[in-house]
C-alpha atoms as a PDB file:
ATOM      1  CA  MET A   1       5.000  12.866  26.055  1.00  0.00           C
ATOM      2  CA  GLY A   2       1.419  13.838  26.944  1.00  0.00           C
ATOM      3  CA  GLU A   3       1.671  17.108  25.014  1.00  0.00           C
ATOM      4  CA  VAL A   4       3.119  15.337  21.975  1.00  0.00           C
ATOM      5  CA  GLN A   5       0.333  12.758  21.986  1.00  0.00           C
ATOM      6  CA  GLU A   6      -2.351  15.417  22.418  1.00  0.00           C
ATOM      7  CA  THR A   7      -1.005  17.475  19.523  1.00  0.00           C
ATOM      8  CA  GLU A   8      -0.634  14.357  17.399  1.00  0.00           C
ATOM      9  CA  GLU A   9      -4.359  13.803  17.956  1.00  0.00           C
ATOM     10  CA  LYS A  10      -5.017  17.323  16.711  1.00  0.00           C
ATOM     11  CA  VAL A  11      -2.698  16.862  13.731  1.00  0.00           C
ATOM     12  CA  VAL A  12      -4.468  13.704  12.583  1.00  0.00           C
ATOM     13  CA  SER A  13      -7.976  14.882  13.398  1.00  0.00           C
ATOM     14  CA  GLY A  14     -10.492  15.703  10.675  1.00  0.00           C
ATOM     15  CA  ARG A  15     -11.827  19.082   9.813  1.00  0.00           C
ATOM     16  CA  ARG A  16     -12.907  21.129  12.806  1.00  0.00           C
ATOM     17  CA  LYS A  17     -16.623  21.932  12.844  1.00  0.00           C
ATOM     18  CA  ARG A  18     -16.753  25.624  13.589  1.00  0.00           C
ATOM     19  CA  LYS A  19     -19.776  27.222  15.264  1.00  0.00           C
ATOM     20  CA  GLN A  20     -19.817  30.649  13.714  1.00  0.00           C
ATOM     21  CA  GLU A  21     -21.765  32.325  16.524  1.00  0.00           C
ATOM     22  CA  ASP A  22     -20.152  30.551  19.455  1.00  0.00           C
ATOM     23  CA  SER A  23     -16.777  31.972  20.450  1.00  0.00           C
ATOM     24  CA  GLY A  24     -16.574  29.854  23.601  1.00  0.00           C
ATOM     25  CA  GLY A  25     -15.051  26.775  22.023  1.00  0.00           C
ATOM     26  CA  VAL A  26     -14.967  24.607  18.923  1.00  0.00           C
ATOM     27  CA  GLU A  27     -15.179  20.829  18.948  1.00  0.00           C
ATOM     28  CA  VAL A  28     -12.766  18.908  16.777  1.00  0.00           C
ATOM     29  CA  LYS A  29     -14.090  15.476  15.798  1.00  0.00           C
ATOM     30  CA  LYS A  30     -12.257  12.657  14.083  1.00  0.00           C
ATOM     31  CA  GLU A  31     -13.159  11.766  10.487  1.00  0.00           C
ATOM     32  CA  ALA A  32     -11.126   8.577  10.370  1.00  0.00           C
ATOM     33  CA  ASP A  33     -11.017   5.631  12.744  1.00  0.00           C
ATOM     34  CA  ILE A  34      -7.569   6.249  14.199  1.00  0.00           C
ATOM     35  CA  LYS A  35      -6.589   4.201  17.226  1.00  0.00           C
ATOM     36  CA  GLY A  36      -6.449   6.162  20.449  1.00  0.00           C
ATOM     37  CA  MET A  37      -8.166   9.172  18.925  1.00  0.00           C
ATOM     38  CA  LYS A  38     -10.354  11.309  21.203  1.00  0.00           C
ATOM     39  CA  LYS A  39     -12.410  14.454  20.851  1.00  0.00           C
ATOM     40  CA  VAL A  40     -10.402  17.505  21.737  1.00  0.00           C
ATOM     41  CA  LYS A  41     -11.561  21.017  22.474  1.00  0.00           C
ATOM     42  CA  VAL A  42      -9.813  23.997  20.983  1.00  0.00           C
ATOM     43  CA  LYS A  43     -10.295  27.378  22.586  1.00  0.00           C
ATOM     44  CA  LYS A  44     -10.806  29.971  19.891  1.00  0.00           C
ATOM     45  CA  GLU A  45     -11.187  33.605  20.744  1.00  0.00           C
ATOM     46  CA  GLU A  46     -13.245  35.867  18.549  1.00  0.00           C
ATOM     47  CA  GLY A  47     -11.152  37.146  15.660  1.00  0.00           C
ATOM     48  CA  ASP A  48      -8.186  34.977  16.614  1.00  0.00           C
ATOM     49  CA  VAL A  49      -6.516  33.091  13.777  1.00  0.00           C
ATOM     50  CA  GLY A  50      -3.723  31.542  15.793  1.00  0.00           C
ATOM     51  CA  VAL A  51      -0.545  33.598  15.458  1.00  0.00           C
ATOM     52  CA  LYS A  52      -0.392  37.050  17.004  1.00  0.00           C
ATOM     53  CA  LYS A  53       0.710  39.828  14.704  1.00  0.00           C
ATOM     54  CA  GLU A  54       1.990  43.213  15.699  1.00  0.00           C
ATOM     55  CA  GLU A  55      -0.376  46.087  15.040  1.00  0.00           C
ATOM     56  CA  GLY A  56       0.520  47.693  11.754  1.00  0.00           C
ATOM     57  CA  ASP A  57       2.190  44.556  10.402  1.00  0.00           C
ATOM     58  CA  ARG A  58       0.633  45.016   6.986  1.00  0.00           C
ATOM     59  CA  GLY A  59       2.858  42.506   5.241  1.00  0.00           C
ATOM     60  CA  ALA A  60       1.750  39.602   7.410  1.00  0.00           C
ATOM     61  CA  LYS A  61      -1.902  40.599   7.124  1.00  0.00           C
ATOM     62  CA  GLU A  62      -1.710  40.837   3.366  1.00  0.00           C
ATOM     63  CA  ASP A  63      -0.216  37.345   3.259  1.00  0.00           C
ATOM     64  CA  ILE A  64      -3.302  35.756   4.846  1.00  0.00           C
ATOM     65  CA  LYS A  65      -5.413  34.258   2.111  1.00  0.00           C
ATOM     66  CA  SER A  66      -9.181  34.304   2.245  1.00  0.00           C
ATOM     67  CA  SER A  67     -10.858  31.237   3.713  1.00  0.00           C
ATOM     68  CA  SER A  68     -12.913  31.064   0.530  1.00  0.00           C
ATOM     69  CA  GLN A  69      -9.860  30.448  -1.659  1.00  0.00           C
ATOM     70  CA  THR A  70     -10.067  27.261  -3.665  1.00  0.00           C
ATOM     71  CA  SER A  71      -7.265  25.000  -4.790  1.00  0.00           C
ATOM     72  CA  PRO A  72      -6.023  25.167  -8.391  1.00  0.00           C
ATOM     73  CA  VAL A  73      -5.242  21.447  -8.112  1.00  0.00           C
ATOM     74  CA  PHE A  74      -8.331  20.178  -6.283  1.00  0.00           C
ATOM     75  CA  PRO A  75     -11.046  22.750  -7.130  1.00  0.00           C
ATOM     76  CA  GLY A  76     -13.625  22.876  -4.353  1.00  0.00           C
ATOM     77  CA  TRP A  77     -11.297  21.431  -1.690  1.00  0.00           C
ATOM     78  CA  ASP A  78     -10.826  24.369   0.656  1.00  0.00           C
ATOM     79  CA  ARG A  79      -8.453  22.866   3.185  1.00  0.00           C
ATOM     80  CA  PRO A  80      -6.270  23.990   4.754  1.00  0.00           C
ATOM     81  CA  THR A  81      -7.813  27.345   5.539  1.00  0.00           C
ATOM     82  CA  PRO A  82      -5.599  30.164   6.851  1.00  0.00           C
ATOM     83  CA  GLU A  83      -7.134  29.475  10.275  1.00  0.00           C
ATOM     84  CA  ASP A  84      -6.129  25.796  10.037  1.00  0.00           C
ATOM     85  CA  CYS A  85      -2.545  26.814   9.285  1.00  0.00           C
ATOM     86  CA  GLU A  86      -2.378  29.441  12.024  1.00  0.00           C
ATOM     87  CA  LEU A  87      -3.756  27.075  14.663  1.00  0.00           C
ATOM     88  CA  LEU A  88      -1.479  24.184  13.717  1.00  0.00           C
ATOM     89  CA  CYS A  89       1.575  26.440  13.637  1.00  0.00           C
ATOM     90  CA  ARG A  90       0.756  27.700  17.124  1.00  0.00           C
ATOM     91  CA  GLU A  91       0.211  24.181  18.506  1.00  0.00           C
ATOM     92  CA  LEU A  92       3.397  22.757  17.017  1.00  0.00           C
ATOM     93  CA  SER A  93       5.424  25.799  18.115  1.00  0.00           C
ATOM     94  CA  ALA A  94       4.329  25.105  21.694  1.00  0.00           C
ATOM     95  CA  ILE A  95       5.948  21.664  21.464  1.00  0.00           C
ATOM     96  CA  HIS A  96       8.924  22.111  19.146  1.00  0.00           C
ATOM     97  CA  GLY A  97       9.661  25.803  19.662  1.00  0.00           C
ATOM     98  CA  GLU A  98       9.053  28.731  17.339  1.00  0.00           C
ATOM     99  CA  ARG A  99      10.840  28.587  14.005  1.00  0.00           C
ATOM    100  CA  LYS A 100      11.912  31.830  12.368  1.00  0.00           C
ATOM    101  CA  GLN A 101      13.458  32.014   8.934  1.00  0.00           C
ATOM    102  CA  PRO A 102      17.101  33.189   9.011  1.00  0.00           C
ATOM    103  CA  GLU A 103      17.961  36.280   7.023  1.00  0.00           C
ATOM    104  CA  GLN A 104      19.349  35.788   3.538  1.00  0.00           C
ATOM    105  CA  THR A 105      23.125  35.689   3.268  1.00  0.00           C
ATOM    106  CA  ARG A 106      25.501  35.156   0.385  1.00  0.00           C
ATOM    107  CA  ASP A 107      27.895  32.941   2.343  1.00  0.00           C
ATOM    108  CA  GLN A 108      26.756  29.992   0.236  1.00  0.00           C
ATOM    109  CA  SER A 109      26.248  30.089  -3.513  1.00  0.00           C
ATOM    110  CA  VAL A 110      23.019  28.968  -5.164  1.00  0.00           C
ATOM    111  CA  MET A 111      24.981  26.111  -6.734  1.00  0.00           C
ATOM    112  CA  ASP A 112      26.187  25.083  -3.267  1.00  0.00           C
ATOM    113  CA  SER A 113      22.592  25.089  -2.048  1.00  0.00           C
ATOM    114  CA  LEU A 114      21.390  22.967  -4.959  1.00  0.00           C
ATOM    115  CA  VAL A 115      24.117  20.366  -4.466  1.00  0.00           C
ATOM    116  CA  CYS A 116      23.481  20.293  -0.698  1.00  0.00           C
ATOM    117  CA  THR A 117      19.831  19.544  -1.425  1.00  0.00           C
ATOM    118  CA  ILE A 118      20.748  16.782  -3.879  1.00  0.00           C
ATOM    119  CA  LEU A 119      23.105  15.232  -1.320  1.00  0.00           C
ATOM    120  CA  SER A 120      20.347  15.344   1.329  1.00  0.00           C
ATOM    121  CA  GLN A 121      18.104  13.050  -0.708  1.00  0.00           C
ATOM    122  CA  ASN A 122      17.459   9.679   0.970  1.00  0.00           C
ATOM    123  CA  THR A 123      19.899  10.201   3.816  1.00  0.00           C
ATOM    124  CA  THR A 124      20.282  11.916   7.177  1.00  0.00           C
ATOM    125  CA  SER A 125      21.322  15.504   7.791  1.00  0.00           C
ATOM    126  CA  LYS A 126      24.544  14.303   9.391  1.00  0.00           C
ATOM    127  CA  ASN A 127      25.503  12.207   6.370  1.00  0.00           C
ATOM    128  CA  SER A 128      24.572  14.833   3.780  1.00  0.00           C
ATOM    129  CA  THR A 129      26.536  17.521   5.640  1.00  0.00           C
ATOM    130  CA  ALA A 130      29.563  15.235   5.809  1.00  0.00           C
ATOM    131  CA  SER A 131      29.208  14.421   2.104  1.00  0.00           C
ATOM    132  CA  PHE A 132      29.173  18.079   1.082  1.00  0.00           C
ATOM    133  CA  ALA A 133      32.163  18.888   3.309  1.00  0.00           C
ATOM    134  CA  SER A 134      34.089  15.968   1.817  1.00  0.00           C
ATOM    135  CA  LEU A 135      33.202  17.002  -1.741  1.00  0.00           C
ATOM    136  CA  LYS A 136      34.338  20.608  -1.204  1.00  0.00           C
ATOM    137  CA  SER A 137      37.486  19.470   0.561  1.00  0.00           C
ATOM    138  CA  LYS A 138      38.546  17.330  -2.379  1.00  0.00           C
ATOM    139  CA  PHE A 139      37.207  19.653  -5.100  1.00  0.00           C
ATOM    140  CA  PRO A 140      37.267  23.293  -3.892  1.00  0.00           C
ATOM    141  CA  THR A 141      35.558  24.710  -6.993  1.00  0.00           C
ATOM    142  CA  TRP A 142      32.756  23.453  -9.239  1.00  0.00           C
ATOM    143  CA  GLU A 143      35.193  23.599 -12.137  1.00  0.00           C
ATOM    144  CA  ASP A 144      37.296  21.074 -10.195  1.00  0.00           C
ATOM    145  CA  VAL A 145      34.218  18.865  -9.849  1.00  0.00           C
ATOM    146  CA  TYR A 146      33.531  19.103 -13.582  1.00  0.00           C
ATOM    147  CA  ALA A 147      37.130  18.185 -14.454  1.00  0.00           C
ATOM    148  CA  ALA A 148      37.205  15.210 -12.077  1.00  0.00           C
ATOM    149  CA  PRO A 149      36.435  11.621 -13.091  1.00  0.00           C
ATOM    150  CA  ILE A 150      32.951  10.667 -11.894  1.00  0.00           C
ATOM    151  CA  PRO A 151      34.296   7.733  -9.785  1.00  0.00           C
ATOM    152  CA  ASP A 152      36.397  10.250  -7.816  1.00  0.00           C
ATOM    153  CA  ILE A 153      33.338  12.419  -7.176  1.00  0.00           C
ATOM    154  CA  GLU A 154      31.440   9.303  -6.154  1.00  0.00           C
ATOM    155  CA  GLU A 155      34.119   8.306  -3.666  1.00  0.00           C
ATOM    156  CA  SER A 156      34.099  11.739  -2.024  1.00  0.00           C
ATOM    157  CA  ILE A 157      30.354  11.568  -1.277  1.00  0.00           C
ATOM    158  CA  ARG A 158      30.053   7.854  -0.547  1.00  0.00           C
ATOM    159  CA  MET A 159      29.037   8.328   3.104  1.00  0.00           C
ATOM    160  CA  GLY A 160      25.757   9.918   1.992  1.00  0.00           C
ATOM    161  CA  GLY A 161      24.469   6.908   0.075  1.00  0.00           C
ATOM    162  CA  LEU A 162      23.420   6.611  -3.588  1.00  0.00           C
ATOM    163  CA  ALA A 163      26.861   8.031  -4.353  1.00  0.00           C
ATOM    164  CA  LYS A 164      27.041   6.856  -7.980  1.00  0.00           C
ATOM    165  CA  ILE A 165      23.678   8.363  -8.910  1.00  0.00           C
ATOM    166  CA  LYS A 166      24.328  11.634  -7.086  1.00  0.00           C
ATOM    167  CA  ALA A 167      27.845  11.982  -8.530  1.00  0.00           C
ATOM    168  CA  GLU A 168      26.549  11.533 -12.072  1.00  0.00           C
ATOM    169  CA  ARG A 169      23.785  14.079 -11.523  1.00  0.00           C
ATOM    170  CA  ILE A 170      26.105  16.687 -10.018  1.00  0.00           C
ATOM    171  CA  HIS A 171      28.579  16.253 -12.883  1.00  0.00           C
ATOM    172  CA  ARG A 172      25.810  16.587 -15.484  1.00  0.00           C
ATOM    173  CA  ILE A 173      24.553  19.780 -13.853  1.00  0.00           C
ATOM    174  CA  CYS A 174      28.077  21.227 -13.949  1.00  0.00           C
ATOM    175  CA  SER A 175      28.359  20.262 -17.613  1.00  0.00           C
ATOM    176  CA  THR A 176      24.979  21.796 -18.484  1.00  0.00           C
ATOM    177  CA  LEU A 177      25.752  25.095 -16.757  1.00  0.00           C
ATOM    178  CA  LEU A 178      29.168  25.355 -18.395  1.00  0.00           C
ATOM    179  CA  ARG A 179      27.616  24.711 -21.802  1.00  0.00           C
ATOM    180  CA  ASN A 180      24.716  27.122 -21.313  1.00  0.00           C
ATOM    181  CA  TYR A 181      26.433  29.988 -19.487  1.00  0.00           C
ATOM    182  CA  GLY A 182      30.150  29.505 -19.986  1.00  0.00           C
ATOM    183  CA  LYS A 183      30.583  29.086 -16.229  1.00  0.00           C
ATOM    184  CA  ILE A 184      29.337  26.805 -13.474  1.00  0.00           C
ATOM    185  CA  SER A 185      27.109  29.148 -11.537  1.00  0.00           C
ATOM    186  CA  LEU A 186      23.457  29.654 -10.637  1.00  0.00           C
ATOM    187  CA  GLU A 187      23.830  33.132  -9.170  1.00  0.00           C
ATOM    188  CA  HIS A 188      21.587  34.539 -11.902  1.00  0.00           C
ATOM    189  CA  LEU A 189      18.668  32.836 -10.147  1.00  0.00           C
ATOM    190  CA  ARG A 190      18.890  35.290  -7.247  1.00  0.00           C
ATOM    191  CA  GLU A 191      17.217  37.910  -9.438  1.00  0.00           C
ATOM    192  CA  ALA A 192      14.934  35.510 -11.311  1.00  0.00           C
ATOM    193  CA  SER A 193      11.244  34.986 -10.602  1.00  0.00           C
ATOM    194  CA  SER A 194      10.283  32.002  -8.471  1.00  0.00           C
ATOM    195  CA  GLU A 195       8.703  30.348 -11.514  1.00  0.00           C
ATOM    196  CA  LYS A 196      11.951  30.747 -13.454  1.00  0.00           C
ATOM    197  CA  VAL A 197      13.912  29.259 -10.541  1.00  0.00           C
ATOM    198  CA  LYS A 198      11.588  26.250 -10.459  1.00  0.00           C
ATOM    199  CA  GLU A 199      11.754  25.840 -14.223  1.00  0.00           C
ATOM    200  CA  GLU A 200      15.542  25.836 -14.415  1.00  0.00           C
ATOM    201  CA  ILE A 201      16.220  23.679 -11.361  1.00  0.00           C
ATOM    202  CA  SER A 202      13.548  21.163 -12.359  1.00  0.00           C
ATOM    203  CA  SER A 203      15.262  20.768 -15.732  1.00  0.00           C
ATOM    204  CA  PHE A 204      18.307  19.211 -14.049  1.00  0.00           C
ATOM    205  CA  PRO A 205      18.524  15.427 -13.550  1.00  0.00           C
ATOM    206  CA  GLY A 206      17.161  14.257 -10.205  1.00  0.00           C
ATOM    207  CA  CYS A 207      15.760  17.687  -9.342  1.00  0.00           C
ATOM    208  CA  GLY A 208      11.985  17.820  -8.982  1.00  0.00           C
ATOM    209  CA  PRO A 209       9.559  20.264  -7.370  1.00  0.00           C
ATOM    210  CA  LYS A 210      10.786  19.541  -3.840  1.00  0.00           C
ATOM    211  CA  THR A 211      14.418  20.277  -4.707  1.00  0.00           C
ATOM    212  CA  ALA A 212      13.466  23.548  -6.390  1.00  0.00           C
ATOM    213  CA  SER A 213      11.189  24.461  -3.491  1.00  0.00           C
ATOM    214  CA  CYS A 214      13.958  23.829  -0.955  1.00  0.00           C
ATOM    215  CA  VAL A 215      16.363  26.120  -2.819  1.00  0.00           C
ATOM    216  CA  LEU A 216      13.668  28.805  -2.934  1.00  0.00           C
ATOM    217  CA  LEU A 217      12.659  28.456   0.716  1.00  0.00           C
ATOM    218  CA  PHE A 218      15.959  27.822   2.466  1.00  0.00           C
ATOM    219  CA  HIS A 219      18.503  29.642   0.302  1.00  0.00           C
ATOM    220  CA  LEU A 220      16.689  32.366  -1.615  1.00  0.00           C
ATOM    221  CA  LYS A 221      14.287  32.960   1.318  1.00  0.00           C
ATOM    222  CA  ARG A 222      11.225  32.975  -0.930  1.00  0.00           C
ATOM    223  CA  PRO A 223       7.823  31.868   0.442  1.00  0.00           C
ATOM    224  CA  ASP A 224       7.452  28.333  -0.885  1.00  0.00           C
ATOM    225  CA  PHE A 225       6.038  25.246   0.835  1.00  0.00           C
ATOM    226  CA  ALA A 226       8.216  22.220   0.144  1.00  0.00           C
ATOM    227  CA  VAL A 227       6.544  18.833   0.686  1.00  0.00           C
ATOM    228  CA  ASP A 228       8.744  16.024   1.970  1.00  0.00           C
ATOM    229  CA  THR A 229       7.720  12.586   3.249  1.00  0.00           C
ATOM    230  CA  HIS A 230       6.673  13.883   6.688  1.00  0.00           C
ATOM    231  CA  VAL A 231       4.697  16.852   5.352  1.00  0.00           C
ATOM    232  CA  PHE A 232       2.955  14.597   2.822  1.00  0.00           C
ATOM    233  CA  ARG A 233       2.018  11.965   5.424  1.00  0.00           C
ATOM    234  CA  LEU A 234       0.698  14.445   7.977  1.00  0.00           C
ATOM    235  CA  SER A 235      -1.176  16.447   5.336  1.00  0.00           C
ATOM    236  CA  LYS A 236      -3.090  13.325   4.343  1.00  0.00           C
ATOM    237  CA  LEU A 237      -3.842  12.438   7.971  1.00  0.00           C
ATOM    238  CA  MET A 238      -5.173  15.938   8.657  1.00  0.00           C
ATOM    239  CA  GLY A 239      -7.365  15.933   5.574  1.00  0.00           C
ATOM    240  CA  TRP A 240      -5.492  18.831   4.008  1.00  0.00           C
ATOM    241  CA  VAL A 241      -5.646  16.901   0.743  1.00  0.00           C
ATOM    242  CA  PRO A 242      -8.501  14.607  -0.336  1.00  0.00           C
ATOM    243  CA  ASP A 243      -8.017  10.860   0.047  1.00  0.00           C
ATOM    244  CA  GLU A 244      -8.292   8.419  -2.848  1.00  0.00           C
ATOM    245  CA  LYS A 245     -11.941   7.661  -2.098  1.00  0.00           C
ATOM    246  CA  LYS A 246     -12.879  11.343  -2.238  1.00  0.00           C
ATOM    247  CA  VAL A 247     -10.926  11.787  -5.475  1.00  0.00           C
ATOM    248  CA  ARG A 248     -12.787   8.886  -7.101  1.00  0.00           C
ATOM    249  CA  SER A 249     -16.130  10.164  -5.834  1.00  0.00           C
ATOM    250  CA  HIS A 250     -15.443  13.690  -7.091  1.00  0.00           C
ATOM    251  CA  ASN A 251     -14.338  12.482 -10.512  1.00  0.00           C
ATOM    252  CA  LYS A 252     -17.622  10.598 -11.018  1.00  0.00           C
ATOM    253  CA  ILE A 253     -19.465  13.913 -11.082  1.00  0.00           C
ATOM    254  CA  LYS A 254     -20.076  14.973 -14.669  1.00  0.00           C
ATOM    255  CA  GLY A 255     -19.245  18.493 -15.697  1.00  0.00           C
ATOM    256  CA  GLY A 256     -16.826  19.118 -12.834  1.00  0.00           C
ATOM    257  CA  ASP A 257     -13.079  19.675 -12.958  1.00  0.00           C
ATOM    258  CA  ALA A 258     -11.391  16.289 -12.543  1.00  0.00           C
ATOM    259  CA  TRP A 259      -8.974  15.960  -9.641  1.00  0.00           C
ATOM    260  CA  PRO A 260      -5.553  14.371 -10.210  1.00  0.00           C
ATOM    261  CA  ALA A 261      -4.179  11.562  -8.067  1.00  0.00           C
ATOM    262  CA  VAL A 262      -2.869  12.699  -4.694  1.00  0.00           C
ATOM    263  CA  SER A 263       0.931  12.596  -4.791  1.00  0.00           C
ATOM    264  CA  ARG A 264       3.752  14.602  -3.264  1.00  0.00           C
ATOM    265  CA  GLU A 265       3.810  16.728  -6.414  1.00  0.00           C
ATOM    266  CA  THR A 266       0.077  17.519  -6.442  1.00  0.00           C
ATOM    267  CA  THR A 267       0.118  18.015  -2.671  1.00  0.00           C
ATOM    268  CA  TYR A 268       2.928  20.546  -3.112  1.00  0.00           C
ATOM    269  CA  GLU A 269       0.997  22.462  -5.769  1.00  0.00           C
ATOM    270  CA  HIS A 270      -2.114  22.440  -3.584  1.00  0.00           C
ATOM    271  CA  LEU A 271      -0.495  23.432  -0.291  1.00  0.00           C
ATOM    272  CA  ASN A 272       1.779  26.020  -1.872  1.00  0.00           C
ATOM    273  CA  SER A 273      -1.345  27.840  -3.008  1.00  0.00           C
ATOM    274  CA  MET A 274      -3.290  27.410   0.251  1.00  0.00           C
ATOM    275  CA  VAL A 275      -0.744  27.989   3.049  1.00  0.00           C
ATOM    276  CA  PRO A 276      -0.266  31.719   3.819  1.00  0.00           C
ATOM    277  CA  ASP A 277       3.142  32.952   2.698  1.00  0.00           C
ATOM    278  CA  HIS A 278       4.200  34.178   6.134  1.00  0.00           C
ATOM    279  CA  LEU A 279       3.679  30.667   7.597  1.00  0.00           C
ATOM    280  CA  LYS A 280       5.354  28.585   4.892  1.00  0.00           C
ATOM    281  CA  TYR A 281       8.810  28.390   6.442  1.00  0.00           C
ATOM    282  CA  ALA A 282       7.718  27.785  10.039  1.00  0.00           C
ATOM    283  CA  LEU A 283       4.972  25.314   9.182  1.00  0.00           C
ATOM    284  CA  HIS A 284       7.211  23.323   6.832  1.00  0.00           C
ATOM    285  CA  VAL A 285       9.961  22.978   9.437  1.00  0.00           C
ATOM    286  CA  LEU A 286       7.532  22.272  12.290  1.00  0.00           C
ATOM    287  CA  LEU A 287       5.699  19.538  10.378  1.00  0.00           C
ATOM    288  CA  ILE A 288       9.000  17.813   9.645  1.00  0.00           C
ATOM    289  CA  ALA A 289      10.088  18.125  13.271  1.00  0.00           C
ATOM    290  CA  HIS A 290       6.751  16.704  14.438  1.00  0.00           C
ATOM    291  CA  GLY A 291       6.849  13.912  11.867  1.00  0.00           C
ATOM    292  CA  ARG A 292      10.239  12.928  13.187  1.00  0.00           C
ATOM    293  CA  THR A 293       8.909  12.401  16.695  1.00  0.00           C
ATOM    294  CA  LYS A 294       7.694   9.093  15.259  1.00  0.00           C
ATOM    295  CA  SER A 295      11.074   8.445  13.632  1.00  0.00           C
ATOM    296  CA  PRO A 296      13.675   9.193  16.329  1.00  0.00           C
ATOM    297  CA  ALA A 297      16.408   7.456  14.340  1.00  0.00           C
ATOM    298  CA  ARG A 298      16.338  10.340  11.869  1.00  0.00           C
ATOM    299  CA  GLY A 299      17.483  12.793  14.521  1.00  0.00           C
ATOM    300  CA  PRO A 300      16.578  16.473  14.968  1.00  0.00           C
ATOM    301  CA  LEU A 301      16.013  18.789  12.029  1.00  0.00           C
ATOM    302  CA  GLU A 302      18.800  21.234  11.335  1.00  0.00           C
ATOM    303  CA  PRO A 303      17.830  24.944  10.995  1.00  0.00           C
ATOM    304  CA  ASN A 304      18.366  25.049   7.224  1.00  0.00           C
ATOM    305  CA  GLU A 305      17.748  21.416   6.367  1.00  0.00           C
ATOM    306  CA  CYS A 306      15.221  20.352   3.785  1.00  0.00           C
ATOM    307  CA  PRO A 307      15.174  16.538   3.726  1.00  0.00           C
END
């Protein structure tokens, strides 16, 4: 438990004050009055940004964004830096294990992935997995789902909670796809741009940025940084997004770009632009795993789960 507590202190600590000419160590000081918080020292070697890369790994190097990059959502707010992301990923990997993104397979359709994500909303991984298995057992094809009375769909996914709402949404998506494409399929999204994937999925009932991001990240294996409850909470504690006081203070300045309210949606837009692509999968999964150490009832995160 000592390692978990120590890393939790680092996760909730404020911005590290770096001494540019001192490679011996960097002090991390708290910005907020958090109970039990202490100063921690982080050893930083010259030129080290946290995660070791193989020599010649051009793709990973090209993915690292410049520390001077600014947010399109909160202009002037430069956190997290690539170094912040690298360091946090390394620290959390030491506790929860390294997380590598599985290779893309076509064992599951894009439609399957979307419905799995819908069924995972506001429930546990165990319940959502059972709901999807029950749905496919009773209705083997999406055409069968479309032809079924909504109460029957609802009954098949009842163990996942919010069954009536989810059944109606799934049926409406089937209806929309059949009307638009003549078949109930989303396989065309495999070749579509990420923006097109987000646009189409977000047009469906009950499917917002997080749902689209999960399909991109977990099924299509695209670099996208989904923001769930745990990621949102920890991002605020770490100062990766400005708090309400800083937003109000910034917006009083005349002539500057106004910042929007900090929400899961604006946090997603901000972090998706700031987190290096090669860290998006691992950091997303690790933050959820770490967030769940404070919510043991939720259970461990499954390899391809996006809550």
